[in-house]
């Protein structure tokens, strides 16, 4: 998809700082945030937990 952190944050209704912290693994997140990120990325929340084939 190629979204910048700023664009993803905007689409998900989050701050860029939050998106950066989640991406770097320095903060925990919750299901609401994962749902918002999935929606912004046109994915299902379960996709974040799928094992690669």
PDB file of N, CA and C in Angstrom:
ATOM      1  N   UNK A   1       0.814  -1.187   0.000  1.00  0.00           N
ATOM      2  CA  UNK A   1       0.000   0.000   0.000  1.00  0.00           C
ATOM      3  C   UNK A   1       0.855   1.247   0.000  1.00  0.00           C
ATOM      4  N   UNK A   2       1.897   1.234   0.783  1.00  0.00           N
ATOM      5  CA  UNK A   2       2.816   2.345   0.757  1.00  0.00           C
ATOM      6  C   UNK A   2       2.362   3.598   1.483  1.00  0.00           C
ATOM      7  N   UNK A   3       1.549   3.466   2.540  1.00  0.00           N
ATOM      8  CA  UNK A   3       1.138   4.651   3.299  1.00  0.00           C
ATOM      9  C   UNK A   3       2.281   5.134   4.181  1.00  0.00           C
ATOM     10  N   UNK A   4       2.416   6.422   4.294  1.00  0.00           N
ATOM     11  CA  UNK A   4       3.329   6.976   5.285  1.00  0.00           C
ATOM     12  C   UNK A   4       2.672   6.836   6.655  1.00  0.00           C
ATOM     13  N   UNK A   5       3.456   6.963   7.697  1.00  0.00           N
ATOM     14  CA  UNK A   5       2.884   6.931   9.045  1.00  0.00           C
ATOM     15  C   UNK A   5       1.853   8.041   9.218  1.00  0.00           C
ATOM     16  N   UNK A   6       2.138   9.193   8.663  1.00  0.00           N
ATOM     17  CA  UNK A   6       1.209  10.321   8.776  1.00  0.00           C
ATOM     18  C   UNK A   6      -0.125  10.007   8.105  1.00  0.00           C
ATOM     19  N   UNK A   7      -0.082   9.434   6.907  1.00  0.00           N
ATOM     20  CA  UNK A   7      -1.304   9.114   6.173  1.00  0.00           C
ATOM     21  C   UNK A   7      -2.084   8.007   6.882  1.00  0.00           C
ATOM     22  N   UNK A   8      -1.392   6.963   7.325  1.00  0.00           N
ATOM     23  CA  UNK A   8      -2.053   5.885   8.046  1.00  0.00           C
ATOM     24  C   UNK A   8      -2.701   6.410   9.319  1.00  0.00           C
ATOM     25  N   UNK A   9      -1.995   7.254  10.038  1.00  0.00           N
ATOM     26  CA  UNK A   9      -2.547   7.845  11.259  1.00  0.00           C
ATOM     27  C   UNK A   9      -3.810   8.635  10.948  1.00  0.00           C
ATOM     28  N   UNK A  10      -3.769   9.422   9.892  1.00  0.00           N
ATOM     29  CA  UNK A  10      -4.936  10.212   9.490  1.00  0.00           C
ATOM     30  C   UNK A  10      -6.120   9.297   9.158  1.00  0.00           C
ATOM     31  N   UNK A  11      -5.880   8.272   8.371  1.00  0.00           N
ATOM     32  CA  UNK A  11      -6.945   7.356   7.963  1.00  0.00           C
ATOM     33  C   UNK A  11      -7.525   6.583   9.143  1.00  0.00           C
ATOM     34  N   UNK A  12      -6.691   6.274  10.131  1.00  0.00           N
ATOM     35  CA  UNK A  12      -7.121   5.491  11.284  1.00  0.00           C
ATOM     36  C   UNK A  12      -7.600   6.354  12.449  1.00  0.00           C
ATOM     37  N   UNK A  13      -7.445   7.669  12.323  1.00  0.00           N
ATOM     38  CA  UNK A  13      -7.843   8.554  13.417  1.00  0.00           C
ATOM     39  C   UNK A  13      -6.925   8.467  14.615  1.00  0.00           C
ATOM     40  N   UNK A  14      -5.648   8.254  14.339  1.00  0.00           N
ATOM     41  CA  UNK A  14      -4.633   8.158  15.386  1.00  0.00           C
ATOM     42  C   UNK A  14      -3.595   9.248  15.180  1.00  0.00           C
ATOM     43  N   UNK A  15      -2.733   9.415  16.160  1.00  0.00           N
ATOM     44  CA  UNK A  15      -1.624  10.347  15.982  1.00  0.00           C
ATOM     45  C   UNK A  15      -0.469   9.616  15.295  1.00  0.00           C
ATOM     46  N   UNK A  16       0.365  10.367  14.614  1.00  0.00           N
ATOM     47  CA  UNK A  16       1.540   9.786  13.962  1.00  0.00           C
ATOM     48  C   UNK A  16       2.471   9.203  15.015  1.00  0.00           C
ATOM     49  N   UNK A  17       2.537   9.826  16.169  1.00  0.00           N
ATOM     50  CA  UNK A  17       3.375   9.326  17.262  1.00  0.00           C
ATOM     51  C   UNK A  17       2.899   7.934  17.688  1.00  0.00           C
ATOM     52  N   UNK A  18       1.581   7.747  17.771  1.00  0.00           N
ATOM     53  CA  UNK A  18       1.029   6.439  18.148  1.00  0.00           C
ATOM     54  C   UNK A  18       1.361   5.379  17.105  1.00  0.00           C
ATOM     55  N   UNK A  19       1.168   5.700  15.843  1.00  0.00           N
ATOM     56  CA  UNK A  19       1.462   4.753  14.771  1.00  0.00           C
ATOM     57  C   UNK A  19       2.945   4.385  14.804  1.00  0.00           C
ATOM     58  N   UNK A  20       3.800   5.342  14.994  1.00  0.00           N
ATOM     59  CA  UNK A  20       5.239   5.087  15.060  1.00  0.00           C
ATOM     60  C   UNK A  20       5.573   4.171  16.229  1.00  0.00           C
ATOM     61  N   UNK A  21       5.001   4.430  17.384  1.00  0.00           N
ATOM     62  CA  UNK A  21       5.282   3.619  18.570  1.00  0.00           C
ATOM     63  C   UNK A  21       4.798   2.183  18.385  1.00  0.00           C
ATOM     64  N   UNK A  22       3.631   2.009  17.767  1.00  0.00           N
ATOM     65  CA  UNK A  22       3.121   0.662  17.500  1.00  0.00           C
ATOM     66  C   UNK A  22       4.036  -0.054  16.519  1.00  0.00           C
ATOM     67  N   UNK A  23       4.428   0.652  15.464  1.00  0.00           N
ATOM     68  CA  UNK A  23       5.302   0.048  14.448  1.00  0.00           C
ATOM     69  C   UNK A  23       6.635  -0.394  15.041  1.00  0.00           C
ATOM     70  N   UNK A  24       7.174   0.394  15.949  1.00  0.00           N
ATOM     71  CA  UNK A  24       8.465   0.075  16.561  1.00  0.00           C
ATOM     72  C   UNK A  24       8.349  -0.917  17.712  1.00  0.00           C
ATOM     73  N   UNK A  25       7.118  -1.216  18.124  1.00  0.00           N
ATOM     74  CA  UNK A  25       6.914  -2.177  19.200  1.00  0.00           C
ATOM     75  C   UNK A  25       7.233  -1.657  20.578  1.00  0.00           C
ATOM     76  N   UNK A  26       7.211  -0.340  20.746  1.00  0.00           N
ATOM     77  CA  UNK A  26       7.540   0.239  22.053  1.00  0.00           C
ATOM     78  C   UNK A  26       6.302   0.541  22.892  1.00  0.00           C
ATOM     79  N   UNK A  27       5.135   0.275  22.346  1.00  0.00           N
ATOM     80  CA  UNK A  27       3.903   0.466  23.102  1.00  0.00           C
ATOM     81  C   UNK A  27       2.934  -0.657  22.772  1.00  0.00           C
ATOM     82  N   UNK A  28       2.126  -0.976  23.744  1.00  0.00           N
ATOM     83  CA  UNK A  28       1.072  -1.966  23.518  1.00  0.00           C
ATOM     84  C   UNK A  28      -0.116  -1.251  22.887  1.00  0.00           C
ATOM     85  N   UNK A  29      -0.970  -2.020  22.258  1.00  0.00           N
ATOM     86  CA  UNK A  29      -2.171  -1.439  21.669  1.00  0.00           C
ATOM     87  C   UNK A  29      -3.364  -2.275  22.092  1.00  0.00           C
ATOM     88  N   UNK A  30      -4.538  -1.889  21.655  1.00  0.00           N
ATOM     89  CA  UNK A  30      -5.738  -2.635  22.019  1.00  0.00           C
ATOM     90  C   UNK A  30      -6.539  -2.969  20.767  1.00  0.00           C
ATOM     91  N   UNK A  31      -7.590  -3.723  20.950  1.00  0.00           N
ATOM     92  CA  UNK A  31      -8.368  -4.192  19.813  1.00  0.00           C
ATOM     93  C   UNK A  31      -9.015  -3.044  19.044  1.00  0.00           C
ATOM     94  N   UNK A  32      -9.434  -2.006  19.730  1.00  0.00           N
ATOM     95  CA  UNK A  32     -10.029  -0.849  19.045  1.00  0.00           C
ATOM     96  C   UNK A  32      -9.035  -0.236  18.061  1.00  0.00           C
ATOM     97  N   UNK A  33      -7.808  -0.056  18.496  1.00  0.00           N
ATOM     98  CA  UNK A  33      -6.772   0.526  17.627  1.00  0.00           C
ATOM     99  C   UNK A  33      -6.460  -0.411  16.472  1.00  0.00           C
ATOM    100  N   UNK A  34      -6.369  -1.708  16.752  1.00  0.00           N
ATOM    101  CA  UNK A  34      -6.122  -2.672  15.675  1.00  0.00           C
ATOM    102  C   UNK A  34      -7.258  -2.658  14.657  1.00  0.00           C
ATOM    103  N   UNK A  35      -8.489  -2.555  15.141  1.00  0.00           N
ATOM    104  CA  UNK A  35      -9.639  -2.456  14.231  1.00  0.00           C
ATOM    105  C   UNK A  35      -9.534  -1.219  13.347  1.00  0.00           C
ATOM    106  N   UNK A  36      -9.140  -0.101  13.924  1.00  0.00           N
ATOM    107  CA  UNK A  36      -9.022   1.140  13.164  1.00  0.00           C
ATOM    108  C   UNK A  36      -7.909   1.064  12.129  1.00  0.00           C
ATOM    109  N   UNK A  37      -6.794   0.451  12.494  1.00  0.00           N
ATOM    110  CA  UNK A  37      -5.694   0.271  11.547  1.00  0.00           C
ATOM    111  C   UNK A  37      -6.102  -0.670  10.421  1.00  0.00           C
ATOM    112  N   UNK A  38      -6.767  -1.762  10.770  1.00  0.00           N
ATOM    113  CA  UNK A  38      -7.219  -2.708   9.748  1.00  0.00           C
ATOM    114  C   UNK A  38      -8.166  -2.038   8.768  1.00  0.00           C
ATOM    115  N   UNK A  39      -9.102  -1.275   9.270  1.00  0.00           N
ATOM    116  CA  UNK A  39     -10.045  -0.572   8.409  1.00  0.00           C
ATOM    117  C   UNK A  39      -9.308   0.390   7.474  1.00  0.00           C
ATOM    118  N   UNK A  40      -8.350   1.133   8.011  1.00  0.00           N
ATOM    119  CA  UNK A  40      -7.584   2.080   7.203  1.00  0.00           C
ATOM    120  C   UNK A  40      -6.785   1.368   6.111  1.00  0.00           C
ATOM    121  N   UNK A  41      -6.362   0.143   6.394  1.00  0.00           N
ATOM    122  CA  UNK A  41      -5.557  -0.635   5.447  1.00  0.00           C
ATOM    123  C   UNK A  41      -6.395  -1.556   4.561  1.00  0.00           C
ATOM    124  N   UNK A  42      -7.710  -1.476   4.715  1.00  0.00           N
ATOM    125  CA  UNK A  42      -8.636  -2.333   3.943  1.00  0.00           C
ATOM    126  C   UNK A  42      -8.339  -3.810   4.184  1.00  0.00           C
ATOM    127  N   UNK A  43      -8.153  -4.154   5.439  1.00  0.00           N
ATOM    128  CA  UNK A  43      -7.857  -5.521   5.863  1.00  0.00           C
ATOM    129  C   UNK A  43      -8.816  -5.909   6.980  1.00  0.00           C
ATOM    130  N   UNK A  44      -8.765  -7.188   7.334  1.00  0.00           N
ATOM    131  CA  UNK A  44      -9.477  -7.692   8.503  1.00  0.00           C
ATOM    132  C   UNK A  44      -8.508  -7.646   9.682  1.00  0.00           C
ATOM    133  N   UNK A  45      -9.027  -7.382  10.865  1.00  0.00           N
ATOM    134  CA  UNK A  45      -8.174  -7.351  12.053  1.00  0.00           C
ATOM    135  C   UNK A  45      -7.434  -8.675  12.221  1.00  0.00           C
ATOM    136  N   UNK A  46      -8.088  -9.770  11.898  1.00  0.00           N
ATOM    137  CA  UNK A  46      -7.468 -11.096  12.022  1.00  0.00           C
ATOM    138  C   UNK A  46      -6.219 -11.225  11.157  1.00  0.00           C
ATOM    139  N   UNK A  47      -6.119 -10.444  10.092  1.00  0.00           N
ATOM    140  CA  UNK A  47      -4.934 -10.494   9.226  1.00  0.00           C
ATOM    141  C   UNK A  47      -3.654 -10.166   9.995  1.00  0.00           C
ATOM    142  N   UNK A  48      -3.763  -9.379  11.050  1.00  0.00           N
ATOM    143  CA  UNK A  48      -2.577  -9.033  11.843  1.00  0.00           C
ATOM    144  C   UNK A  48      -2.016 -10.250  12.569  1.00  0.00           C
ATOM    145  N   UNK A  49      -2.851 -11.285  12.724  1.00  0.00           N
ATOM    146  CA  UNK A  49      -2.458 -12.460  13.488  1.00  0.00           C
ATOM    147  C   UNK A  49      -2.268 -13.700  12.633  1.00  0.00           C
ATOM    148  N   UNK A  50      -2.443 -13.578  11.334  1.00  0.00           N
ATOM    149  CA  UNK A  50      -2.347 -14.725  10.422  1.00  0.00           C
ATOM    150  C   UNK A  50      -0.892 -15.133  10.262  1.00  0.00           C
ATOM    151  N   UNK A  51      -0.695 -16.438  10.195  1.00  0.00           N
ATOM    152  CA  UNK A  51       0.640 -16.971   9.951  1.00  0.00           C
ATOM    153  C   UNK A  51       0.910 -16.944   8.457  1.00  0.00           C
ATOM    154  N   UNK A  52       2.111 -16.527   8.064  1.00  0.00           N
ATOM    155  CA  UNK A  52       2.446 -16.532   6.626  1.00  0.00           C
ATOM    156  C   UNK A  52       2.445 -17.964   6.099  1.00  0.00           C
ATOM    157  N   UNK A  53       2.065 -18.102   4.851  1.00  0.00           N
ATOM    158  CA  UNK A  53       2.038 -19.432   4.243  1.00  0.00           C
ATOM    159  C   UNK A  53       3.357 -19.769   3.590  1.00  0.00           C
TER     160      UNK A  53
END
